[in-house]
Each structure stands twice: as C-alpha cells, then as structure tokens.
Amino acid sequence: MTGRAFLAAFRAIFADSSALMLLIGSCLLYAFFYPSAYSGEVPVRMPVAVVDMDHSGTSRALESRLAALQQAEVVARPPSPVAALRQLRERRVSAIVVIPEGFERRILSGGQGVVALYGNGAYLLRTSTALAGVGAALGAAGRAAAVDQAMALGAPAPPALAMIQRPLFNTREGYGATIFPGVAFLIIQQTLLMGLAMLAATMREHDGPLSFSRRGLLGITLAFFVVGCANVAWFTGFVFWFQDYPRAQAQPFALVAAAALFVSATVAAALALGSFFRTRERPIQLWIVTSVPIFFLSGLSWPVEATPHWLTLVARLLPTTPGIRLMVGVNQMGATLAEQRGEVINLALLALLYGAIAVLRYRPR
C-alpha cells in the first residue's frame, strides 16, 4: 500500500505539468534567475562629489585618499555645496564630501578639522557603501593628522589603536552570499506547499473530500519528502558551489539531519494546508500573497530582535523561520545540531503538529 501510494504520487506529479513546474522546474529556474540580480555581490566605485573650499595641501591629500578607495570614485569637483547638492538630486552622485575653508589651518594649530558628508538616503545600500568608504578614508586621515600633531608637540608615538577587520562566514561581504542561502529554503518551502496543495485541490475537485489510509498517506508523504530532499541537495550541493557561496561548513551528518527535519516539517505543513483547498487556483493565490510576508518574517531582511514579539511567535509556526536559521547555521556557519537545538525542537514540533492535522483531515470516513 505504501509503495503504491508512493508511485501514484509521482505519477500524479509528472501527469500535471503545472505541479511539475512548481515542484521541480521553479527550483531549477530560481537557482540561476535569483542570484543573477546580485552577481555584482558588493557595490563598488559609487560616484562621489568633493567640494574643496580649502584648496590646501591637507585637503588635496584627503582627496587623493578618496580617489584610492574601492567603494567610492570621485567623479565631480563642484565649486560649492549648492552645486554638489544639485548633482545629488539629479542622482549623478551618491554622496558629497565638503571640506570647508580653514580645514588645514585648524589642524596645524592643534584644533579639530571638520569634514561634512552627505548621502542620498533613498538608496540605502549605495549610499551606505559610499559613506562607509569615505568614512574609512577620513578616519585614516584623522589618525595621520593626530600623529603629526603629537610629533609637533614633542611626543612622537605610533597611533594608540590599530584596527583589524576580518568578516567571518561571508568573507566577501557580498549581498547575494548573504541573502540567497536563506532565500533558497523559502523557495523550497513555497514550491512544496503550493505544488502539493495544487495536486490535492485538483483531486478534490474530481473526487470530492480526500481520505487515505495511514499507509497510503505515508507513501504520499515519502514521495514529497524525496522531492524536497532532492531540491535541498540541488541547492546545497550544486547551486551554492556554482555561485561560489559559503557552504558545507558542518559535518555531513548534521547537514543531512537538518535537511531531513526541515523537509519533514514542510511536507507535513503542505499536507495539512492542502486538505483545506477546494479548487486548484487557490494555492497559487495564496502563494502570491504570502511569499513576501514569509520572507520578512524569516529574519533575513530585518533583525528578529527588532521585530514585535507577537510576530516572532507567529513566525515560529512557519517551517521557513526555524528552517532557514538551522540550514544557514549548519551549512554556512558550521554550527552543530546541539548549538541549533532551538530550531531543531521547533521544526520537530511543527512536523508533529502539522502531521497530526494531516492524519485527522485525511482519515478514512
């Protein structure tokens, strides 16, 4: 009975082109379509305007530091802040550096030189990249000026602080390497949910309310479990390697166990959800309206600590929320299952909860 149900589920998948496209084709498509938008990974050479109102050796030295930055490129030297602001409004530059008159004189007299930075906050990533690069150059110039001032006062000494920056887990600090390893599991969940729900709704349209024996339901569950595991293997085994994303940091057993737990909870949720649809169009409509909220609730785009507490509790009912944290923690950061036990317990409880709902909804009548 279990084997026949297993094979019947695969026959149903391959006989329905829409479900086949959702369950398998969409994962193949998204594997290359979604990362292509972030192929640049890190914004570089953001255009910057420098307004030098001091025209001194120190201001020119600062400007030469800006020209050596990877994050920013000096593309304009307007004569006044007003002219620079006009270029910012016309989106010809992402940031403005204003060096006021008397900048060098203040530093040489032992005072504090002031430089003004302006950025276009409407383009957060571009502006923050440009301002971060300019800020780093200004910090280096400030440390050099402090050493010069100390030497002029008779106390030659190296800077008291040396800083070493080394990002972990995402060494290139790329946006695609940050976002896609999590989004991949959102894609797996949504395609499994909607593909399975569409097949269940189609059967219900033709045959009325569905009912399966325990063994029959187990065979159907195993069929979709195989599809889900194949999709996880596709992303973690090939796509992450092909796109050169951080991967395979944990022991293989931990990765396999985490993937099996995530897929089990997702398939159980899909079976439970699919029992409530009466027409095959409804799952697609639900997919359209829920994908973006689920993405925001996953914690990928906004810190969980800054999310209202009641929303974090609601998010715990979605397999993606603990699933993404577990899979990214294990695959990208090398965490053990014991270190991720909160997510492991969450996924196990979801699998039991949605599995029980599915057994009740599909019980023979």
Protein backbone atom coordinates (compact mmCIF):
# COMPACT_ATOMS: atom_id res chain seq x y z
CA MET A 1 0.00 0.00 0.00
CA THR A 2 2.79 2.44 0.93
CA GLY A 3 4.76 1.65 -2.22
CA ARG A 4 1.72 2.01 -4.49
CA ALA A 5 0.84 5.36 -2.94
CA PHE A 6 4.48 6.46 -3.32
CA LEU A 7 4.48 5.63 -7.05
CA ALA A 8 0.98 7.06 -7.56
CA ALA A 9 2.12 10.37 -6.08
CA PHE A 10 5.00 10.58 -8.57
CA ARG A 11 2.65 9.67 -11.46
CA ALA A 12 0.34 12.48 -10.36
CA ILE A 13 3.26 14.94 -10.25
CA PHE A 14 4.53 14.07 -13.73
CA ALA A 15 0.99 14.00 -15.19
CA ASP A 16 0.26 17.57 -14.05
CA SER A 17 2.55 20.00 -15.89
CA SER A 18 1.69 22.93 -13.60
CA ALA A 19 2.53 20.97 -10.45
CA LEU A 20 5.69 19.62 -12.09
CA MET A 21 6.79 23.15 -12.93
CA LEU A 22 6.12 24.30 -9.36
CA LEU A 23 7.81 21.38 -7.60
CA ILE A 24 10.85 20.91 -9.84
CA GLY A 25 11.00 23.46 -12.66
CA SER A 26 10.78 26.53 -10.41
CA CYS A 27 13.72 25.35 -8.29
CA LEU A 28 15.81 24.91 -11.45
CA LEU A 29 14.78 28.36 -12.69
CA TYR A 30 15.27 30.23 -9.39
CA ALA A 31 18.71 28.68 -8.91
CA PHE A 32 20.04 30.90 -11.72
CA PHE A 33 17.46 33.68 -12.03
CA TYR A 34 17.52 34.94 -8.43
CA PRO A 35 21.33 35.05 -7.90
CA SER A 36 21.85 36.82 -11.24
CA ALA A 37 20.40 40.03 -9.74
CA TYR A 38 23.17 40.01 -7.12
CA SER A 39 26.03 38.79 -9.29
CA GLY A 40 27.91 42.02 -8.51
CA GLU A 41 27.81 40.99 -4.82
CA VAL A 42 29.37 44.22 -3.45
CA PRO A 43 28.65 47.78 -4.70
CA VAL A 44 31.93 49.36 -5.80
CA ARG A 45 33.04 52.67 -7.24
CA MET A 46 29.99 54.62 -6.07
CA PRO A 47 30.15 58.16 -7.56
CA VAL A 48 31.15 60.85 -5.05
CA ALA A 49 31.45 64.63 -5.39
CA VAL A 50 34.14 66.52 -3.43
CA VAL A 51 33.72 70.21 -2.65
CA ASP A 52 37.18 71.51 -1.68
CA MET A 53 36.75 75.03 -0.25
CA ASP A 54 40.14 74.98 1.49
CA HIS A 55 42.45 74.36 -1.51
CA SER A 56 45.31 73.34 0.77
CA GLY A 57 47.86 70.55 0.80
CA THR A 58 45.92 68.71 3.52
CA SER A 59 42.63 68.88 1.64
CA ARG A 60 44.32 67.64 -1.55
CA ALA A 61 45.94 64.79 0.42
CA LEU A 62 42.50 63.84 1.73
CA GLU A 63 41.09 63.94 -1.77
CA SER A 64 43.86 61.63 -3.01
CA ARG A 65 42.90 59.14 -0.27
CA LEU A 66 39.30 59.22 -1.54
CA ALA A 67 40.49 58.52 -5.09
CA ALA A 68 42.20 55.31 -3.90
CA LEU A 69 39.01 53.84 -2.39
CA GLN A 70 37.35 50.72 -3.78
CA GLN A 71 33.92 51.72 -2.51
CA ALA A 72 33.84 55.23 -3.97
CA GLU A 73 35.07 57.13 -7.01
CA VAL A 74 35.47 60.90 -7.13
CA VAL A 75 33.58 61.84 -10.31
CA ALA A 76 32.95 65.56 -9.72
CA ARG A 77 34.54 68.56 -8.01
CA PRO A 78 31.79 71.16 -7.95
CA PRO A 79 32.69 74.68 -6.76
CA SER A 80 30.08 74.91 -3.99
CA PRO A 81 27.85 72.72 -1.77
CA VAL A 82 24.80 74.02 -3.64
CA ALA A 83 26.16 72.75 -6.96
CA ALA A 84 27.03 69.39 -5.35
CA LEU A 85 23.54 69.09 -3.87
CA ARG A 86 22.09 69.66 -7.33
CA GLN A 87 24.14 66.73 -8.64
CA LEU A 88 22.92 64.56 -5.74
CA ARG A 89 19.29 65.42 -6.53
CA GLU A 90 19.90 64.54 -10.18
CA ARG A 91 21.35 61.18 -9.00
CA ARG A 92 24.69 61.84 -10.71
CA VAL A 93 26.49 61.21 -7.39
CA SER A 94 25.66 59.04 -4.35
CA ALA A 95 27.46 61.12 -1.71
CA ILE A 96 29.03 64.52 -1.17
CA VAL A 97 32.19 65.38 0.77
CA VAL A 98 32.52 69.05 1.79
CA ILE A 99 35.94 70.26 3.00
CA PRO A 100 35.32 73.73 4.50
CA GLU A 101 37.62 76.72 4.31
CA GLY A 102 40.25 76.77 7.10
CA PHE A 103 40.40 72.97 7.30
CA GLU A 104 44.22 72.79 7.19
CA ARG A 105 44.70 75.83 9.45
CA ARG A 106 42.64 74.26 12.25
CA ILE A 107 44.61 71.02 12.11
CA LEU A 108 48.02 72.72 12.05
CA SER A 109 47.03 74.93 15.00
CA GLY A 110 46.22 71.84 17.07
CA GLY A 111 42.47 72.14 16.61
CA GLN A 112 39.93 69.82 15.06
CA GLY A 113 39.31 69.79 11.33
CA VAL A 114 35.72 69.23 10.26
CA VAL A 115 34.56 67.47 7.08
CA ALA A 116 30.85 67.19 6.16
CA LEU A 117 29.41 64.08 4.49
CA TYR A 118 26.02 63.95 2.76
CA GLY A 119 24.36 60.91 1.24
CA ASN A 120 21.13 60.06 -0.60
CA GLY A 121 19.16 58.05 1.95
CA ALA A 122 16.62 56.98 -0.68
CA TYR A 123 19.21 54.49 -1.99
CA LEU A 124 20.31 52.87 1.24
CA LEU A 125 22.85 50.31 0.02
CA ARG A 126 24.59 52.57 -2.50
CA THR A 127 24.80 55.47 -0.08
CA SER A 128 25.90 53.43 2.93
CA THR A 129 28.65 51.84 0.82
CA ALA A 130 29.91 55.22 -0.39
CA LEU A 131 29.71 56.80 3.07
CA ALA A 132 31.43 53.82 4.72
CA GLY A 133 34.33 54.06 2.27
CA VAL A 134 34.64 57.83 2.66
CA GLY A 135 34.38 57.46 6.45
CA ALA A 136 37.23 54.94 6.46
CA ALA A 137 39.41 57.31 4.41
CA LEU A 138 38.60 60.19 6.76
CA GLY A 139 39.43 58.03 9.77
CA ALA A 140 42.83 57.18 8.31
CA ALA A 141 43.47 60.85 7.52
CA GLY A 142 42.43 61.80 11.06
CA ARG A 143 44.81 59.27 12.63
CA ALA A 144 47.68 60.55 10.47
CA ALA A 145 46.87 64.14 11.47
CA ALA A 146 46.80 63.15 15.15
CA VAL A 147 50.26 61.59 14.84
CA ASP A 148 51.56 64.77 13.14
CA GLN A 149 50.09 66.90 15.91
CA ALA A 150 51.67 64.69 18.60
CA MET A 151 55.04 64.86 16.89
CA ALA A 152 54.78 68.67 16.68
CA LEU A 153 54.12 68.76 20.43
CA GLY A 154 57.24 66.64 21.11
CA ALA A 155 55.65 63.31 21.77
CA PRO A 156 56.34 61.16 18.68
CA ALA A 157 54.49 57.91 19.00
CA PRO A 158 52.58 55.49 16.79
CA PRO A 159 48.77 55.57 16.94
CA ALA A 160 47.47 54.05 20.16
CA LEU A 161 44.94 51.93 18.32
CA ALA A 162 45.37 49.58 15.35
CA MET A 163 42.24 48.03 13.87
CA ILE A 164 41.99 44.70 12.04
CA GLN A 165 38.72 43.98 10.21
CA ARG A 166 38.01 40.40 9.16
CA PRO A 167 34.43 39.31 8.37
CA LEU A 168 33.54 35.73 9.25
CA PHE A 169 31.24 33.27 7.42
CA ASN A 170 30.75 35.64 4.45
CA THR A 171 34.29 36.74 3.78
CA ARG A 172 33.45 38.65 0.60
CA GLU A 173 30.62 40.50 2.39
CA GLY A 174 28.53 40.02 -0.73
CA TYR A 175 24.79 40.72 -0.72
CA GLY A 176 23.97 37.63 -2.79
CA ALA A 177 26.04 35.41 -0.48
CA THR A 178 24.14 36.91 2.45
CA ILE A 179 20.58 36.67 1.18
CA PHE A 180 20.34 33.75 -1.26
CA PRO A 181 21.43 30.85 1.03
CA GLY A 182 18.36 31.71 3.14
CA VAL A 183 16.01 32.51 0.27
CA ALA A 184 16.74 29.09 -1.28
CA PHE A 185 14.91 27.37 1.59
CA LEU A 186 12.00 29.79 1.28
CA ILE A 187 11.77 28.76 -2.39
CA ILE A 188 11.81 25.07 -1.40
CA GLN A 189 9.04 25.56 1.14
CA GLN A 190 6.78 27.62 -1.10
CA THR A 191 7.12 25.31 -4.10
CA LEU A 192 6.43 22.22 -1.97
CA LEU A 193 3.45 23.84 -0.26
CA MET A 194 1.84 25.08 -3.43
CA GLY A 195 2.68 22.09 -5.62
CA LEU A 196 1.30 19.59 -3.15
CA ALA A 197 -1.73 21.77 -2.34
CA MET A 198 -2.49 22.16 -6.05
CA LEU A 199 -2.45 18.39 -6.59
CA ALA A 200 -4.65 17.82 -3.53
CA ALA A 201 -7.13 20.50 -4.64
CA THR A 202 -7.27 19.02 -8.15
CA MET A 203 -8.08 15.57 -6.73
CA ARG A 204 -10.72 17.11 -4.51
CA GLU A 205 -12.34 18.85 -7.50
CA HIS A 206 -12.68 15.48 -9.24
CA ASP A 207 -13.26 13.06 -6.37
CA GLY A 208 -14.67 15.12 -3.51
CA PRO A 209 -13.17 15.18 0.02
CA LEU A 210 -9.96 13.15 0.16
CA SER A 211 -9.27 10.26 2.51
CA PHE A 212 -6.29 7.92 2.74
CA SER A 213 -5.31 5.02 4.91
CA ARG A 214 -2.32 5.51 7.23
CA ARG A 215 -0.05 3.57 4.86
CA GLY A 216 -1.33 5.40 1.82
CA LEU A 217 -0.73 8.76 3.48
CA LEU A 218 2.77 7.59 4.47
CA GLY A 219 3.53 6.71 0.83
CA ILE A 220 2.39 10.16 -0.36
CA THR A 221 4.44 11.81 2.38
CA LEU A 222 7.55 9.87 1.39
CA ALA A 223 7.13 10.85 -2.26
CA PHE A 224 7.08 14.57 -1.46
CA PHE A 225 9.84 14.07 1.11
CA VAL A 226 12.03 12.72 -1.72
CA VAL A 227 11.17 15.75 -3.89
CA GLY A 228 12.00 18.15 -1.03
CA CYS A 229 15.31 16.43 -0.24
CA ALA A 230 16.24 16.48 -3.94
CA ASN A 231 15.62 20.23 -4.02
CA VAL A 232 17.74 20.76 -0.87
CA ALA A 233 20.54 18.67 -2.40
CA TRP A 234 20.27 20.67 -5.64
CA PHE A 235 20.74 23.99 -3.86
CA THR A 236 23.27 22.99 -1.19
CA GLY A 237 25.22 20.55 -3.35
CA PHE A 238 25.38 22.34 -6.69
CA VAL A 239 23.91 25.85 -6.74
CA PHE A 240 25.85 27.19 -3.74
CA TRP A 241 29.05 25.72 -5.24
CA PHE A 242 28.26 27.09 -8.71
CA GLN A 243 27.51 30.58 -7.34
CA ASP A 244 30.55 30.36 -5.01
CA TYR A 245 28.51 30.99 -1.86
CA PRO A 246 29.69 29.90 1.64
CA ARG A 247 28.75 26.25 2.09
CA ALA A 248 29.41 22.83 3.64
CA GLN A 249 30.88 24.15 6.88
CA ALA A 250 29.35 21.46 9.11
CA GLN A 251 29.67 17.69 9.30
CA PRO A 252 27.75 15.86 6.52
CA PHE A 253 25.57 14.07 9.09
CA ALA A 254 24.47 17.39 10.62
CA LEU A 255 23.60 18.77 7.20
CA VAL A 256 21.62 15.64 6.22
CA ALA A 257 19.76 15.56 9.56
CA ALA A 258 18.94 19.28 9.38
CA ALA A 259 17.69 18.96 5.79
CA ALA A 260 15.55 15.91 6.66
CA LEU A 261 13.98 17.76 9.59
CA PHE A 262 13.24 20.89 7.54
CA VAL A 263 11.72 18.91 4.66
CA SER A 264 9.65 16.76 7.07
CA ALA A 265 8.10 19.83 8.69
CA THR A 266 7.48 21.44 5.29
CA VAL A 267 5.83 18.34 3.78
CA ALA A 268 3.66 17.90 6.88
CA ALA A 269 2.57 21.55 6.65
CA ALA A 270 1.88 21.14 2.93
CA LEU A 271 -0.29 18.06 3.51
CA ALA A 272 -2.23 19.83 6.27
CA LEU A 273 -2.68 23.01 4.22
CA GLY A 274 -3.63 21.11 1.05
CA SER A 275 -6.58 19.47 2.82
CA PHE A 276 -8.38 22.83 3.07
CA PHE A 277 -8.38 23.83 -0.62
CA ARG A 278 -11.38 23.08 -2.82
CA THR A 279 -10.09 24.46 -6.16
CA ARG A 280 -6.63 24.24 -7.76
CA GLU A 281 -6.37 28.04 -8.26
CA ARG A 282 -6.47 28.83 -4.54
CA PRO A 283 -2.89 27.63 -3.73
CA ILE A 284 -1.46 29.92 -6.41
CA GLN A 285 -3.39 32.88 -5.00
CA LEU A 286 -2.11 32.04 -1.52
CA TRP A 287 1.45 31.75 -2.86
CA ILE A 288 1.24 35.24 -4.37
CA VAL A 289 0.05 36.97 -1.19
CA THR A 290 2.16 35.06 1.37
CA SER A 291 5.65 34.84 -0.13
CA VAL A 292 6.69 38.41 0.72
CA PRO A 293 5.33 38.38 4.32
CA ILE A 294 7.02 35.00 4.93
CA PHE A 295 10.28 36.45 3.61
CA PHE A 296 10.09 39.37 6.05
CA LEU A 297 9.12 37.08 8.96
CA SER A 298 12.11 34.82 8.30
CA GLY A 299 14.53 37.41 9.70
CA LEU A 300 16.57 37.66 6.50
CA SER A 301 15.83 41.29 5.77
CA TRP A 302 15.16 42.64 9.25
CA PRO A 303 16.64 41.61 12.62
CA VAL A 304 14.42 39.35 14.70
CA GLU A 305 15.41 41.35 17.80
CA ALA A 306 13.81 44.44 16.25
CA THR A 307 10.58 42.61 15.29
CA PRO A 308 7.48 42.79 17.55
CA HIS A 309 7.43 39.80 19.89
CA TRP A 310 3.99 38.59 18.83
CA LEU A 311 5.14 38.50 15.19
CA THR A 312 8.16 36.37 16.10
CA LEU A 313 5.77 33.89 17.79
CA VAL A 314 3.59 33.76 14.65
CA ALA A 315 6.71 33.26 12.53
CA ARG A 316 7.61 30.20 14.61
CA LEU A 317 4.58 28.44 13.08
CA LEU A 318 6.19 28.60 9.63
CA PRO A 319 8.77 25.91 8.77
CA THR A 320 10.93 28.51 7.00
CA THR A 321 11.61 30.54 10.15
CA PRO A 322 13.47 27.84 12.11
CA GLY A 323 14.40 26.03 8.87
CA ILE A 324 16.36 28.92 7.39
CA ARG A 325 18.19 29.57 10.66
CA LEU A 326 19.01 25.88 11.04
CA MET A 327 20.19 25.34 7.46
CA VAL A 328 22.17 28.58 7.24
CA GLY A 329 23.68 27.94 10.67
CA VAL A 330 24.74 24.41 9.76
CA ASN A 331 25.68 24.88 6.11
CA GLN A 332 27.15 28.39 6.05
CA MET A 333 28.42 28.86 9.64
CA GLY A 334 29.42 25.34 10.68
CA ALA A 335 27.10 25.13 13.69
CA THR A 336 26.31 21.78 15.29
CA LEU A 337 22.80 20.45 15.85
CA ALA A 338 23.29 20.93 19.59
CA GLU A 339 24.07 24.60 19.03
CA GLN A 340 20.92 24.87 16.90
CA ARG A 341 18.72 22.88 19.29
CA GLY A 342 16.09 25.63 19.49
CA GLU A 343 15.45 25.40 15.75
CA VAL A 344 15.67 21.58 15.83
CA ILE A 345 12.98 21.40 18.54
CA ASN A 346 10.83 23.98 16.73
CA LEU A 347 10.93 22.00 13.46
CA ALA A 348 10.24 18.70 15.23
CA LEU A 349 7.17 20.18 16.96
CA LEU A 350 5.91 21.64 13.67
CA ALA A 351 6.31 18.25 11.96
CA LEU A 352 4.29 16.59 14.73
CA LEU A 353 1.62 19.34 14.79
CA TYR A 354 1.03 19.50 11.04
CA GLY A 355 1.41 15.73 10.70
CA ALA A 356 -1.38 15.20 13.25
CA ILE A 357 -3.59 17.70 11.42
CA ALA A 358 -2.94 15.90 8.12
CA VAL A 359 -3.79 12.48 9.64
CA LEU A 360 -7.06 13.86 11.02
CA ARG A 361 -8.02 15.66 7.81
CA TYR A 362 -7.32 12.65 5.53
CA ARG A 363 -8.63 9.92 7.81
CA PRO A 364 -10.97 7.38 6.13
CA ARG A 365 -14.63 8.23 6.66
